[in-house]
Amino acid sequence: MGEPRASDRSPKDARAEPALFGRLTRRAEFQRVARGRRWQGEAFVLQAAPRDETSMQAPRVGFTVTRKTGTAVERNRVRRRLKEVLRLAEKLDARPDHDYVLIARRGVLSRPFGLLRADLQRAFAAIHLRSARALSDRDR
């Protein structure tokens, strides 16, 4: 009786990792984040806004994939790719008191996965770098 094979494990076991991000689900949450900061890339747009609540919960993420992106099958593939990039990304500058929205562009399907990961890390760093600069400029 050796170790269980990967095919013997239930799908629940494969996702035993703790969730690093919460989810945005309500339209009002997406609209509030849309009024925040924005970073635009080839494959997606990242929006960020500080949360009104003062509790230090995990950062929350929402995904937007419009019908302009493609058929239902393509939109689902885009959403799955973005979720996987987010899950595998290391050392993101995601702040616990912020909400984020990833707005997909059609380029997500053709962009190599490694570049998507790099874009995501660059987007999170840039979105907070600008907000820190804006705050420091106001203090002067």
C-alpha atoms as a PDB file:
ATOM      1  CA  MET A   1       0.000   0.000   0.000  1.00  0.00           C
ATOM      2  CA  GLY A   2       2.016   2.922  -1.283  1.00  0.00           C
ATOM      3  CA  GLU A   3       1.056   6.524  -1.589  1.00  0.00           C
ATOM      4  CA  PRO A   4      -2.287   7.282  -3.261  1.00  0.00           C
ATOM      5  CA  ARG A   5      -2.041   8.116  -6.919  1.00  0.00           C
ATOM      6  CA  ALA A   6      -3.048  11.562  -8.126  1.00  0.00           C
ATOM      7  CA  SER A   7      -6.062  10.021  -9.846  1.00  0.00           C
ATOM      8  CA  ASP A   8      -7.223   8.506  -6.533  1.00  0.00           C
ATOM      9  CA  ARG A   9      -7.389  11.877  -4.759  1.00  0.00           C
ATOM     10  CA  SER A  10     -10.624  13.780  -4.781  1.00  0.00           C
ATOM     11  CA  PRO A  11     -10.703  17.236  -6.408  1.00  0.00           C
ATOM     12  CA  LYS A  12     -11.171  18.717  -2.949  1.00  0.00           C
ATOM     13  CA  ASP A  13      -7.744  17.361  -1.873  1.00  0.00           C
ATOM     14  CA  ALA A  14      -6.077  19.024  -4.842  1.00  0.00           C
ATOM     15  CA  ARG A  15      -7.407  22.400  -3.713  1.00  0.00           C
ATOM     16  CA  ALA A  16      -6.402  22.063  -0.085  1.00  0.00           C
ATOM     17  CA  GLU A  17      -4.343  25.259  -0.279  1.00  0.00           C
ATOM     18  CA  PRO A  18      -5.800  28.168   1.689  1.00  0.00           C
ATOM     19  CA  ALA A  19      -7.380  30.890  -0.393  1.00  0.00           C
ATOM     20  CA  LEU A  20      -5.138  33.938  -0.524  1.00  0.00           C
ATOM     21  CA  PHE A  21      -7.882  36.161  -1.872  1.00  0.00           C
ATOM     22  CA  GLY A  22     -11.543  36.635  -1.098  1.00  0.00           C
ATOM     23  CA  ARG A  23     -14.042  37.194  -3.896  1.00  0.00           C
ATOM     24  CA  LEU A  24     -16.013  40.227  -4.970  1.00  0.00           C
ATOM     25  CA  THR A  25     -19.545  39.190  -5.830  1.00  0.00           C
ATOM     26  CA  ARG A  26     -21.851  42.206  -5.666  1.00  0.00           C
ATOM     27  CA  ARG A  27     -22.269  44.774  -8.429  1.00  0.00           C
ATOM     28  CA  ALA A  28     -21.833  47.661  -5.975  1.00  0.00           C
ATOM     29  CA  GLU A  29     -18.414  46.308  -4.977  1.00  0.00           C
ATOM     30  CA  PHE A  30     -17.281  46.217  -8.615  1.00  0.00           C
ATOM     31  CA  GLN A  31     -18.556  49.763  -9.164  1.00  0.00           C
ATOM     32  CA  ARG A  32     -16.729  51.050  -6.079  1.00  0.00           C
ATOM     33  CA  VAL A  33     -13.448  49.497  -7.270  1.00  0.00           C
ATOM     34  CA  ALA A  34     -13.971  51.018 -10.747  1.00  0.00           C
ATOM     35  CA  ARG A  35     -13.663  54.468  -9.150  1.00  0.00           C
ATOM     36  CA  GLY A  36     -10.221  53.564  -7.758  1.00  0.00           C
ATOM     37  CA  ARG A  37      -6.782  53.267  -9.313  1.00  0.00           C
ATOM     38  CA  ARG A  38      -6.214  51.546 -12.671  1.00  0.00           C
ATOM     39  CA  TRP A  39      -3.333  49.797 -14.437  1.00  0.00           C
ATOM     40  CA  GLN A  40      -3.675  48.831 -18.100  1.00  0.00           C
ATOM     41  CA  GLY A  41      -1.768  46.071 -19.802  1.00  0.00           C
ATOM     42  CA  GLU A  42      -1.962  44.064 -23.010  1.00  0.00           C
ATOM     43  CA  ALA A  43      -3.970  41.192 -21.564  1.00  0.00           C
ATOM     44  CA  PHE A  44      -5.932  42.759 -18.726  1.00  0.00           C
ATOM     45  CA  VAL A  45      -6.734  45.872 -16.713  1.00  0.00           C
ATOM     46  CA  LEU A  46      -6.260  45.872 -12.944  1.00  0.00           C
ATOM     47  CA  GLN A  47      -8.395  48.152 -10.814  1.00  0.00           C
ATOM     48  CA  ALA A  48      -7.813  48.676  -7.090  1.00  0.00           C
ATOM     49  CA  ALA A  49      -9.570  50.565  -4.334  1.00  0.00           C
ATOM     50  CA  PRO A  50      -9.127  50.651  -0.570  1.00  0.00           C
ATOM     51  CA  ARG A  51     -11.887  48.936   1.337  1.00  0.00           C
ATOM     52  CA  ASP A  52     -14.151  51.019   3.545  1.00  0.00           C
ATOM     53  CA  GLU A  53     -14.063  48.441   6.310  1.00  0.00           C
ATOM     54  CA  THR A  54     -11.225  48.728   8.795  1.00  0.00           C
ATOM     55  CA  SER A  55     -10.880  44.986   9.408  1.00  0.00           C
ATOM     56  CA  MET A  56      -7.707  43.405   8.053  1.00  0.00           C
ATOM     57  CA  GLN A  57      -9.263  40.596   6.047  1.00  0.00           C
ATOM     58  CA  ALA A  58      -7.615  39.031   3.024  1.00  0.00           C
ATOM     59  CA  PRO A  59      -7.663  41.135  -0.148  1.00  0.00           C
ATOM     60  CA  ARG A  60     -10.649  40.447  -2.387  1.00  0.00           C
ATOM     61  CA  VAL A  61     -10.587  39.983  -6.162  1.00  0.00           C
ATOM     62  CA  GLY A  62     -13.304  40.104  -8.806  1.00  0.00           C
ATOM     63  CA  PHE A  63     -13.106  39.082 -12.450  1.00  0.00           C
ATOM     64  CA  THR A  64     -14.830  40.771 -15.386  1.00  0.00           C
ATOM     65  CA  VAL A  65     -14.893  39.123 -18.799  1.00  0.00           C
ATOM     66  CA  THR A  66     -17.289  40.829 -21.204  1.00  0.00           C
ATOM     67  CA  ARG A  67     -19.074  39.254 -24.150  1.00  0.00           C
ATOM     68  CA  LYS A  68     -16.861  41.311 -26.437  1.00  0.00           C
ATOM     69  CA  THR A  69     -14.013  39.015 -25.358  1.00  0.00           C
ATOM     70  CA  GLY A  70     -15.480  36.023 -27.188  1.00  0.00           C
ATOM     71  CA  THR A  71     -17.890  33.113 -26.978  1.00  0.00           C
ATOM     72  CA  ALA A  72     -18.903  31.579 -23.650  1.00  0.00           C
ATOM     73  CA  VAL A  73     -16.228  28.899 -23.991  1.00  0.00           C
ATOM     74  CA  GLU A  74     -13.526  31.508 -24.628  1.00  0.00           C
ATOM     75  CA  ARG A  75     -14.727  33.692 -21.745  1.00  0.00           C
ATOM     76  CA  ASN A  76     -14.571  30.729 -19.380  1.00  0.00           C
ATOM     77  CA  ARG A  77     -11.040  29.889 -20.570  1.00  0.00           C
ATOM     78  CA  VAL A  78     -10.007  33.515 -20.016  1.00  0.00           C
ATOM     79  CA  ARG A  79     -11.471  33.497 -16.497  1.00  0.00           C
ATOM     80  CA  ARG A  80      -9.787  30.192 -15.645  1.00  0.00           C
ATOM     81  CA  ARG A  81      -6.410  31.437 -16.912  1.00  0.00           C
ATOM     82  CA  LEU A  82      -6.655  34.620 -14.846  1.00  0.00           C
ATOM     83  CA  LYS A  83      -7.654  32.691 -11.727  1.00  0.00           C
ATOM     84  CA  GLU A  84      -4.749  30.300 -12.179  1.00  0.00           C
ATOM     85  CA  VAL A  85      -2.247  33.120 -12.755  1.00  0.00           C
ATOM     86  CA  LEU A  86      -3.488  34.765  -9.577  1.00  0.00           C
ATOM     87  CA  ARG A  87      -3.274  31.503  -7.637  1.00  0.00           C
ATOM     88  CA  LEU A  88       0.302  30.776  -8.786  1.00  0.00           C
ATOM     89  CA  ALA A  89       1.649  34.318  -8.567  1.00  0.00           C
ATOM     90  CA  GLU A  90       4.299  34.776  -5.919  1.00  0.00           C
ATOM     91  CA  LYS A  91       4.901  37.867  -3.809  1.00  0.00           C
ATOM     92  CA  LEU A  92       2.090  40.028  -5.111  1.00  0.00           C
ATOM     93  CA  ASP A  93       1.820  43.429  -3.528  1.00  0.00           C
ATOM     94  CA  ALA A  94      -1.836  42.808  -2.668  1.00  0.00           C
ATOM     95  CA  ARG A  95      -2.874  44.717   0.423  1.00  0.00           C
ATOM     96  CA  PRO A  96      -5.357  43.207   2.875  1.00  0.00           C
ATOM     97  CA  ASP A  97      -7.417  46.392   3.060  1.00  0.00           C
ATOM     98  CA  HIS A  98      -7.928  46.620  -0.722  1.00  0.00           C
ATOM     99  CA  ASP A  99     -10.288  45.170  -3.315  1.00  0.00           C
ATOM    100  CA  TYR A 100      -9.131  44.369  -6.851  1.00  0.00           C
ATOM    101  CA  VAL A 101     -10.879  43.755 -10.175  1.00  0.00           C
ATOM    102  CA  LEU A 102      -9.210  42.084 -13.153  1.00  0.00           C
ATOM    103  CA  ILE A 103     -10.859  43.075 -16.431  1.00  0.00           C
ATOM    104  CA  ALA A 104      -9.851  40.619 -19.119  1.00  0.00           C
ATOM    105  CA  ARG A 105      -8.933  41.482 -22.655  1.00  0.00           C
ATOM    106  CA  ARG A 106      -8.817  39.022 -25.513  1.00  0.00           C
ATOM    107  CA  GLY A 107      -5.020  38.938 -25.307  1.00  0.00           C
ATOM    108  CA  VAL A 108      -5.225  36.684 -22.238  1.00  0.00           C
ATOM    109  CA  LEU A 109      -5.821  33.681 -24.510  1.00  0.00           C
ATOM    110  CA  SER A 110      -2.758  34.220 -26.698  1.00  0.00           C
ATOM    111  CA  ARG A 111      -0.324  35.598 -24.122  1.00  0.00           C
ATOM    112  CA  PRO A 112       2.173  33.056 -22.756  1.00  0.00           C
ATOM    113  CA  PHE A 113       1.461  32.054 -19.170  1.00  0.00           C
ATOM    114  CA  GLY A 114       4.834  33.246 -17.874  1.00  0.00           C
ATOM    115  CA  LEU A 115       4.248  36.710 -19.306  1.00  0.00           C
ATOM    116  CA  LEU A 116       0.795  36.824 -17.721  1.00  0.00           C
ATOM    117  CA  ARG A 117       2.375  36.113 -14.329  1.00  0.00           C
ATOM    118  CA  ALA A 118       4.954  38.854 -14.884  1.00  0.00           C
ATOM    119  CA  ASP A 119       2.233  41.283 -15.999  1.00  0.00           C
ATOM    120  CA  LEU A 120       0.199  40.546 -12.883  1.00  0.00           C
ATOM    121  CA  GLN A 121       3.149  41.141 -10.567  1.00  0.00           C
ATOM    122  CA  ARG A 122       4.032  44.350 -12.401  1.00  0.00           C
ATOM    123  CA  ALA A 123       0.402  45.525 -12.228  1.00  0.00           C
ATOM    124  CA  PHE A 124       0.102  45.004  -8.466  1.00  0.00           C
ATOM    125  CA  ALA A 125       3.438  46.742  -7.846  1.00  0.00           C
ATOM    126  CA  ALA A 126       2.616  49.678 -10.114  1.00  0.00           C
ATOM    127  CA  ILE A 127      -0.865  50.282  -8.778  1.00  0.00           C
ATOM    128  CA  HIS A 128       0.392  50.697  -5.218  1.00  0.00           C
ATOM    129  CA  LEU A 129       3.565  52.523  -6.215  1.00  0.00           C
ATOM    130  CA  ARG A 130       1.495  55.257  -7.797  1.00  0.00           C
ATOM    131  CA  SER A 131      -0.790  55.522  -4.783  1.00  0.00           C
ATOM    132  CA  ALA A 132       2.213  55.808  -2.437  1.00  0.00           C
ATOM    133  CA  ARG A 133       3.727  58.502  -4.666  1.00  0.00           C
ATOM    134  CA  ALA A 134       0.459  60.416  -4.791  1.00  0.00           C
ATOM    135  CA  LEU A 135       0.238  60.350  -0.999  1.00  0.00           C
ATOM    136  CA  SER A 136       3.814  61.511  -0.556  1.00  0.00           C
ATOM    137  CA  ASP A 137       3.296  64.341  -3.078  1.00  0.00           C
ATOM    138  CA  ARG A 138       0.231  65.547  -1.174  1.00  0.00           C
ATOM    139  CA  ASP A 139       2.197  65.729   2.082  1.00  0.00           C
ATOM    140  CA  ARG A 140       4.641  68.280   0.655  1.00  0.00           C
END
